[in-house]
Amino acid sequence: MTEPKTPHRLTLALACSMALGSACATTPATPAKPATPVAVVKTLGQRQCEGGGTTAAALAQALREAGVQVLAQACAHDGRMRPAVCGAPDGVMAWFEIPGDQLAKAQALGYVAMASLPDARRQDCR
């Protein structure tokens, strides 16, 4: 036999459901996971016997001005063998670690994901 519902039981049921609803509404959101860093490179534009080109610091500043966060910087070499000929490119590049979600911005500025250059190696700047 079913018990008749009393106003007290309805009030209690309503209060419980409201309490649960408000508890769910105030549950903090899971913090966003930071983007995995990626390495990008760009040639310094130096020529054998001539030097010239730009610096890693100047390229880092260009990234920052475009809204790309630079997490770390160094230099790199493209890993290609080159004949020793004055005026030929020397293969030295600037290397930057940036958040992965900013890769497209860097690529629009001419930076290349280092992962796409299998022979490239990071090195200290001279």
N, C-alpha and C. Protein backbone atom coordinates (compact mmCIF):
# COMPACT_ATOMS: atom_id res chain seq x y z
N MET A 1 0.82 -1.16 0.00
CA MET A 1 0.00 0.00 0.00
C MET A 1 0.88 1.25 0.00
N THR A 2 0.55 2.20 -0.84
CA THR A 2 1.33 3.42 -0.98
C THR A 2 0.94 4.42 0.09
N GLU A 3 1.95 5.04 0.68
CA GLU A 3 1.73 6.03 1.70
C GLU A 3 1.33 7.34 1.05
N PRO A 4 0.39 8.05 1.56
CA PRO A 4 0.03 9.34 0.98
C PRO A 4 1.17 10.34 1.19
N LYS A 5 1.38 11.18 0.18
CA LYS A 5 2.46 12.17 0.27
C LYS A 5 1.99 13.33 1.13
N THR A 6 2.83 13.69 2.03
CA THR A 6 2.49 14.81 2.90
C THR A 6 3.26 16.03 2.44
N PRO A 7 2.80 17.20 2.79
CA PRO A 7 3.53 18.41 2.39
C PRO A 7 4.96 18.39 2.90
N HIS A 8 5.20 17.79 4.04
CA HIS A 8 6.55 17.72 4.61
C HIS A 8 7.48 16.91 3.71
N ARG A 9 7.01 15.79 3.20
CA ARG A 9 7.84 14.95 2.32
C ARG A 9 8.12 15.67 1.00
N LEU A 10 7.16 16.37 0.44
CA LEU A 10 7.38 17.10 -0.80
C LEU A 10 8.40 18.22 -0.59
N THR A 11 8.29 18.90 0.51
CA THR A 11 9.23 19.98 0.81
C THR A 11 10.64 19.43 0.95
N LEU A 12 10.76 18.31 1.64
CA LEU A 12 12.06 17.68 1.82
C LEU A 12 12.66 17.25 0.48
N ALA A 13 11.86 16.64 -0.39
CA ALA A 13 12.33 16.20 -1.70
C ALA A 13 12.77 17.40 -2.55
N LEU A 14 12.00 18.47 -2.50
CA LEU A 14 12.33 19.68 -3.27
C LEU A 14 13.62 20.31 -2.74
N ALA A 15 13.77 20.37 -1.43
CA ALA A 15 14.98 20.94 -0.84
C ALA A 15 16.22 20.12 -1.22
N CYS A 16 16.10 18.81 -1.22
CA CYS A 16 17.24 17.96 -1.59
C CYS A 16 17.63 18.16 -3.04
N SER A 17 16.66 18.23 -3.92
CA SER A 17 16.98 18.39 -5.34
C SER A 17 17.59 19.76 -5.60
N MET A 18 17.15 20.79 -4.89
CA MET A 18 17.72 22.12 -5.06
C MET A 18 19.16 22.15 -4.54
N ALA A 19 19.40 21.47 -3.44
CA ALA A 19 20.75 21.44 -2.88
C ALA A 19 21.72 20.75 -3.83
N LEU A 20 21.27 19.65 -4.41
CA LEU A 20 22.14 18.94 -5.34
C LEU A 20 22.38 19.77 -6.59
N GLY A 21 21.35 20.43 -7.07
CA GLY A 21 21.49 21.25 -8.26
C GLY A 21 22.47 22.38 -8.05
N SER A 22 22.39 23.06 -6.90
CA SER A 22 23.30 24.16 -6.66
C SER A 22 24.72 23.66 -6.43
N ALA A 23 24.87 22.47 -5.86
CA ALA A 23 26.22 21.92 -5.66
C ALA A 23 26.86 21.63 -7.01
N CYS A 24 26.07 21.14 -7.95
CA CYS A 24 26.62 20.86 -9.27
C CYS A 24 26.98 22.16 -9.99
N ALA A 25 26.18 23.20 -9.76
CA ALA A 25 26.42 24.46 -10.46
C ALA A 25 27.69 25.15 -9.96
N THR A 26 28.11 24.86 -8.73
CA THR A 26 29.29 25.55 -8.21
C THR A 26 30.55 24.70 -8.29
N THR A 27 30.48 23.53 -8.92
CA THR A 27 31.66 22.69 -9.07
C THR A 27 32.65 23.42 -9.97
N PRO A 28 33.90 23.60 -9.50
CA PRO A 28 34.87 24.33 -10.33
C PRO A 28 35.18 23.58 -11.62
N ALA A 29 35.39 24.33 -12.68
CA ALA A 29 35.73 23.73 -13.98
C ALA A 29 37.17 23.20 -13.92
N THR A 30 37.42 22.18 -14.69
CA THR A 30 38.77 21.63 -14.79
C THR A 30 39.65 22.67 -15.48
N PRO A 31 40.81 23.00 -14.91
CA PRO A 31 41.66 24.00 -15.56
C PRO A 31 42.11 23.53 -16.94
N ALA A 32 42.24 24.49 -17.84
CA ALA A 32 42.67 24.17 -19.20
C ALA A 32 44.09 23.61 -19.18
N LYS A 33 44.30 22.59 -19.97
CA LYS A 33 45.63 21.97 -20.07
C LYS A 33 46.49 22.83 -20.99
N PRO A 34 47.70 23.20 -20.55
CA PRO A 34 48.54 24.03 -21.42
C PRO A 34 48.92 23.28 -22.70
N ALA A 35 49.07 24.05 -23.76
CA ALA A 35 49.44 23.45 -25.05
C ALA A 35 50.86 22.86 -24.97
N THR A 36 51.05 21.73 -25.59
CA THR A 36 52.36 21.08 -25.63
C THR A 36 53.31 21.96 -26.45
N PRO A 37 54.49 22.27 -25.91
CA PRO A 37 55.44 23.10 -26.66
C PRO A 37 55.94 22.41 -27.93
N VAL A 38 56.22 23.21 -28.94
CA VAL A 38 56.81 22.72 -30.18
C VAL A 38 58.02 23.58 -30.51
N ALA A 39 58.96 23.01 -31.24
CA ALA A 39 60.15 23.75 -31.67
C ALA A 39 59.95 24.23 -33.09
N VAL A 40 60.29 25.50 -33.31
CA VAL A 40 60.24 26.07 -34.65
C VAL A 40 61.60 26.70 -34.95
N VAL A 41 61.93 26.79 -36.22
CA VAL A 41 63.20 27.37 -36.65
C VAL A 41 62.98 28.32 -37.82
N LYS A 42 63.94 29.22 -37.97
CA LYS A 42 63.95 30.12 -39.13
C LYS A 42 65.40 30.47 -39.40
N THR A 43 65.77 30.48 -40.67
CA THR A 43 67.15 30.78 -41.04
C THR A 43 67.53 32.19 -40.61
N LEU A 44 68.79 32.33 -40.25
CA LEU A 44 69.31 33.65 -39.90
C LEU A 44 69.70 34.43 -41.16
N GLY A 45 69.80 33.72 -42.30
CA GLY A 45 70.13 34.38 -43.55
C GLY A 45 71.60 34.73 -43.71
N GLN A 46 72.45 34.07 -42.94
CA GLN A 46 73.88 34.33 -43.03
C GLN A 46 74.48 33.64 -44.26
N ARG A 47 75.56 34.22 -44.77
CA ARG A 47 76.28 33.67 -45.92
C ARG A 47 77.71 33.36 -45.52
N GLN A 48 78.22 32.27 -46.06
CA GLN A 48 79.62 31.90 -45.80
C GLN A 48 80.55 33.04 -46.23
N CYS A 49 81.54 33.31 -45.42
CA CYS A 49 82.55 34.34 -45.63
C CYS A 49 82.01 35.77 -45.50
N GLU A 50 80.70 35.92 -45.48
CA GLU A 50 80.12 37.25 -45.47
C GLU A 50 79.36 37.57 -44.18
N GLY A 51 78.83 36.55 -43.52
CA GLY A 51 78.01 36.81 -42.34
C GLY A 51 76.68 37.40 -42.75
N GLY A 52 76.37 38.56 -42.16
CA GLY A 52 75.11 39.23 -42.49
C GLY A 52 73.93 38.55 -41.84
N GLY A 53 72.79 38.75 -42.41
CA GLY A 53 71.57 38.14 -41.89
C GLY A 53 71.05 38.85 -40.65
N THR A 54 70.34 38.11 -39.82
CA THR A 54 69.73 38.66 -38.61
C THR A 54 70.23 37.88 -37.40
N THR A 55 69.62 38.11 -36.26
CA THR A 55 70.01 37.41 -35.04
C THR A 55 68.82 36.65 -34.46
N ALA A 56 69.11 35.69 -33.60
CA ALA A 56 68.04 34.95 -32.92
C ALA A 56 67.22 35.89 -32.06
N ALA A 57 67.85 36.87 -31.44
CA ALA A 57 67.14 37.83 -30.59
C ALA A 57 66.13 38.65 -31.41
N ALA A 58 66.52 39.06 -32.61
CA ALA A 58 65.62 39.84 -33.47
C ALA A 58 64.44 38.99 -33.91
N LEU A 59 64.69 37.71 -34.23
CA LEU A 59 63.59 36.83 -34.64
C LEU A 59 62.67 36.52 -33.46
N ALA A 60 63.23 36.40 -32.26
CA ALA A 60 62.40 36.18 -31.06
C ALA A 60 61.49 37.38 -30.84
N GLN A 61 62.03 38.58 -31.02
CA GLN A 61 61.22 39.79 -30.85
C GLN A 61 60.09 39.83 -31.88
N ALA A 62 60.36 39.41 -33.11
CA ALA A 62 59.32 39.38 -34.15
C ALA A 62 58.20 38.43 -33.75
N LEU A 63 58.55 37.29 -33.17
CA LEU A 63 57.53 36.34 -32.71
C LEU A 63 56.67 36.98 -31.62
N ARG A 64 57.31 37.60 -30.65
CA ARG A 64 56.58 38.22 -29.54
C ARG A 64 55.64 39.32 -30.04
N GLU A 65 56.11 40.12 -30.97
CA GLU A 65 55.28 41.20 -31.53
C GLU A 65 54.07 40.65 -32.27
N ALA A 66 54.18 39.44 -32.77
CA ALA A 66 53.06 38.79 -33.48
C ALA A 66 52.14 38.04 -32.51
N GLY A 67 52.45 38.11 -31.22
CA GLY A 67 51.61 37.45 -30.23
C GLY A 67 51.97 36.01 -29.95
N VAL A 68 53.18 35.60 -30.33
CA VAL A 68 53.64 34.23 -30.08
C VAL A 68 54.56 34.25 -28.86
N GLN A 69 54.25 33.42 -27.88
CA GLN A 69 55.05 33.35 -26.66
C GLN A 69 56.31 32.52 -26.92
N VAL A 70 57.46 33.09 -26.63
CA VAL A 70 58.74 32.38 -26.77
C VAL A 70 59.09 31.79 -25.42
N LEU A 71 59.10 30.45 -25.33
CA LEU A 71 59.40 29.77 -24.08
C LEU A 71 60.89 29.55 -23.89
N ALA A 72 61.62 29.37 -24.99
CA ALA A 72 63.07 29.17 -24.95
C ALA A 72 63.61 29.49 -26.33
N GLN A 73 64.91 29.83 -26.38
CA GLN A 73 65.53 30.10 -27.68
C GLN A 73 66.97 29.62 -27.68
N ALA A 74 67.44 29.27 -28.87
CA ALA A 74 68.81 28.84 -29.09
C ALA A 74 69.06 28.99 -30.58
N CYS A 75 70.09 28.35 -31.07
CA CYS A 75 70.35 28.32 -32.51
C CYS A 75 70.25 26.87 -32.97
N ALA A 76 70.31 26.67 -34.25
CA ALA A 76 70.24 25.32 -34.82
C ALA A 76 70.98 25.34 -36.15
N HIS A 77 71.19 24.17 -36.68
CA HIS A 77 71.78 24.03 -38.01
C HIS A 77 70.89 23.08 -38.79
N ASP A 78 70.71 23.35 -40.06
CA ASP A 78 69.79 22.52 -40.85
C ASP A 78 70.32 21.11 -41.11
N GLY A 79 71.60 20.85 -40.81
CA GLY A 79 72.15 19.51 -40.93
C GLY A 79 72.59 19.12 -42.33
N ARG A 80 72.44 19.98 -43.28
CA ARG A 80 72.85 19.67 -44.65
C ARG A 80 74.34 19.91 -44.85
N MET A 81 74.94 19.08 -45.66
CA MET A 81 76.34 19.29 -46.03
C MET A 81 76.36 20.39 -47.09
N ARG A 82 77.34 21.26 -46.99
CA ARG A 82 77.44 22.37 -47.93
C ARG A 82 78.88 22.50 -48.43
N PRO A 83 79.02 22.87 -49.69
CA PRO A 83 80.38 23.14 -50.16
C PRO A 83 80.86 24.46 -49.53
N ALA A 84 82.14 24.54 -49.27
CA ALA A 84 82.71 25.77 -48.71
C ALA A 84 82.88 26.78 -49.84
N VAL A 85 81.83 27.58 -50.03
CA VAL A 85 81.83 28.57 -51.11
C VAL A 85 81.36 29.90 -50.53
N CYS A 86 82.18 30.90 -50.65
CA CYS A 86 81.79 32.21 -50.14
C CYS A 86 80.49 32.67 -50.83
N GLY A 87 79.58 33.18 -50.01
CA GLY A 87 78.31 33.66 -50.53
C GLY A 87 77.19 32.64 -50.45
N ALA A 88 77.53 31.37 -50.20
CA ALA A 88 76.49 30.33 -50.08
C ALA A 88 75.89 30.37 -48.67
N PRO A 89 74.63 29.97 -48.51
CA PRO A 89 74.03 29.93 -47.17
C PRO A 89 74.82 29.01 -46.25
N ASP A 90 74.85 29.37 -44.94
CA ASP A 90 75.62 28.54 -44.00
C ASP A 90 74.76 27.55 -43.21
N GLY A 91 73.45 27.62 -43.35
CA GLY A 91 72.55 26.65 -42.70
C GLY A 91 72.24 26.93 -41.24
N VAL A 92 72.72 28.06 -40.70
CA VAL A 92 72.46 28.39 -39.30
C VAL A 92 71.07 29.00 -39.18
N MET A 93 70.35 28.53 -38.16
CA MET A 93 68.97 28.97 -37.94
C MET A 93 68.78 29.37 -36.49
N ALA A 94 67.74 30.13 -36.23
CA ALA A 94 67.31 30.40 -34.86
C ALA A 94 66.29 29.34 -34.49
N TRP A 95 66.36 28.86 -33.25
CA TRP A 95 65.48 27.80 -32.74
C TRP A 95 64.66 28.38 -31.61
N PHE A 96 63.35 28.12 -31.62
CA PHE A 96 62.47 28.62 -30.56
C PHE A 96 61.51 27.53 -30.11
N GLU A 97 61.24 27.50 -28.82
CA GLU A 97 60.19 26.64 -28.29
C GLU A 97 59.01 27.55 -28.01
N ILE A 98 57.85 27.17 -28.57
CA ILE A 98 56.63 27.97 -28.43
C ILE A 98 55.48 27.04 -28.05
N PRO A 99 54.38 27.58 -27.52
CA PRO A 99 53.20 26.74 -27.27
C PRO A 99 52.66 26.19 -28.60
N GLY A 100 52.31 24.92 -28.59
CA GLY A 100 51.84 24.27 -29.81
C GLY A 100 50.62 24.93 -30.44
N ASP A 101 49.77 25.54 -29.60
CA ASP A 101 48.56 26.17 -30.16
C ASP A 101 48.88 27.50 -30.86
N GLN A 102 50.15 27.92 -30.86
CA GLN A 102 50.55 29.15 -31.55
C GLN A 102 51.40 28.85 -32.79
N LEU A 103 51.49 27.58 -33.16
CA LEU A 103 52.30 27.17 -34.31
C LEU A 103 51.84 27.84 -35.60
N ALA A 104 50.55 27.92 -35.83
CA ALA A 104 50.05 28.52 -37.08
C ALA A 104 50.48 29.98 -37.22
N LYS A 105 50.48 30.72 -36.11
CA LYS A 105 50.94 32.12 -36.14
C LYS A 105 52.41 32.19 -36.55
N ALA A 106 53.22 31.31 -35.97
CA ALA A 106 54.65 31.30 -36.29
C ALA A 106 54.88 30.91 -37.75
N GLN A 107 54.13 29.93 -38.23
CA GLN A 107 54.28 29.49 -39.62
C GLN A 107 53.90 30.61 -40.58
N ALA A 108 52.90 31.41 -40.22
CA ALA A 108 52.50 32.54 -41.07
C ALA A 108 53.63 33.56 -41.20
N LEU A 109 54.56 33.56 -40.22
CA LEU A 109 55.70 34.48 -40.25
C LEU A 109 56.94 33.85 -40.90
N GLY A 110 56.81 32.63 -41.41
CA GLY A 110 57.91 31.97 -42.09
C GLY A 110 58.71 31.00 -41.24
N TYR A 111 58.28 30.74 -40.00
CA TYR A 111 58.97 29.77 -39.15
C TYR A 111 58.49 28.37 -39.54
N VAL A 112 59.35 27.40 -39.37
CA VAL A 112 59.06 26.02 -39.76
C VAL A 112 59.18 25.12 -38.53
N ALA A 113 58.27 24.16 -38.41
CA ALA A 113 58.36 23.20 -37.31
C ALA A 113 59.65 22.40 -37.47
N MET A 114 60.45 22.35 -36.43
CA MET A 114 61.73 21.64 -36.52
C MET A 114 61.52 20.16 -36.80
N ALA A 115 60.40 19.61 -36.37
CA ALA A 115 60.11 18.19 -36.61
C ALA A 115 60.05 17.88 -38.11
N SER A 116 59.80 18.88 -38.94
CA SER A 116 59.73 18.65 -40.39
C SER A 116 61.11 18.66 -41.05
N LEU A 117 62.15 18.94 -40.28
CA LEU A 117 63.52 18.96 -40.80
C LEU A 117 64.32 17.86 -40.07
N PRO A 118 64.31 16.66 -40.60
CA PRO A 118 64.89 15.52 -39.87
C PRO A 118 66.39 15.63 -39.58
N ASP A 119 67.15 16.40 -40.36
CA ASP A 119 68.59 16.50 -40.14
C ASP A 119 68.98 17.70 -39.27
N ALA A 120 68.01 18.57 -38.97
CA ALA A 120 68.30 19.77 -38.19
C ALA A 120 68.64 19.41 -36.75
N ARG A 121 69.57 20.16 -36.17
CA ARG A 121 70.00 19.93 -34.80
C ARG A 121 70.11 21.26 -34.07
N ARG A 122 69.67 21.26 -32.84
CA ARG A 122 69.79 22.44 -31.99
C ARG A 122 71.25 22.58 -31.56
N GLN A 123 71.71 23.83 -31.44
CA GLN A 123 73.08 24.10 -31.01
C GLN A 123 73.13 25.44 -30.30
N ASP A 124 74.21 25.70 -29.60
CA ASP A 124 74.39 27.00 -28.97
C ASP A 124 74.65 28.06 -30.04
N CYS A 125 74.21 29.26 -29.76
CA CYS A 125 74.50 30.37 -30.68
C CYS A 125 75.96 30.80 -30.48
N ARG A 126 76.61 31.15 -31.55
CA ARG A 126 78.02 31.59 -31.48
C ARG A 126 78.12 33.08 -31.39
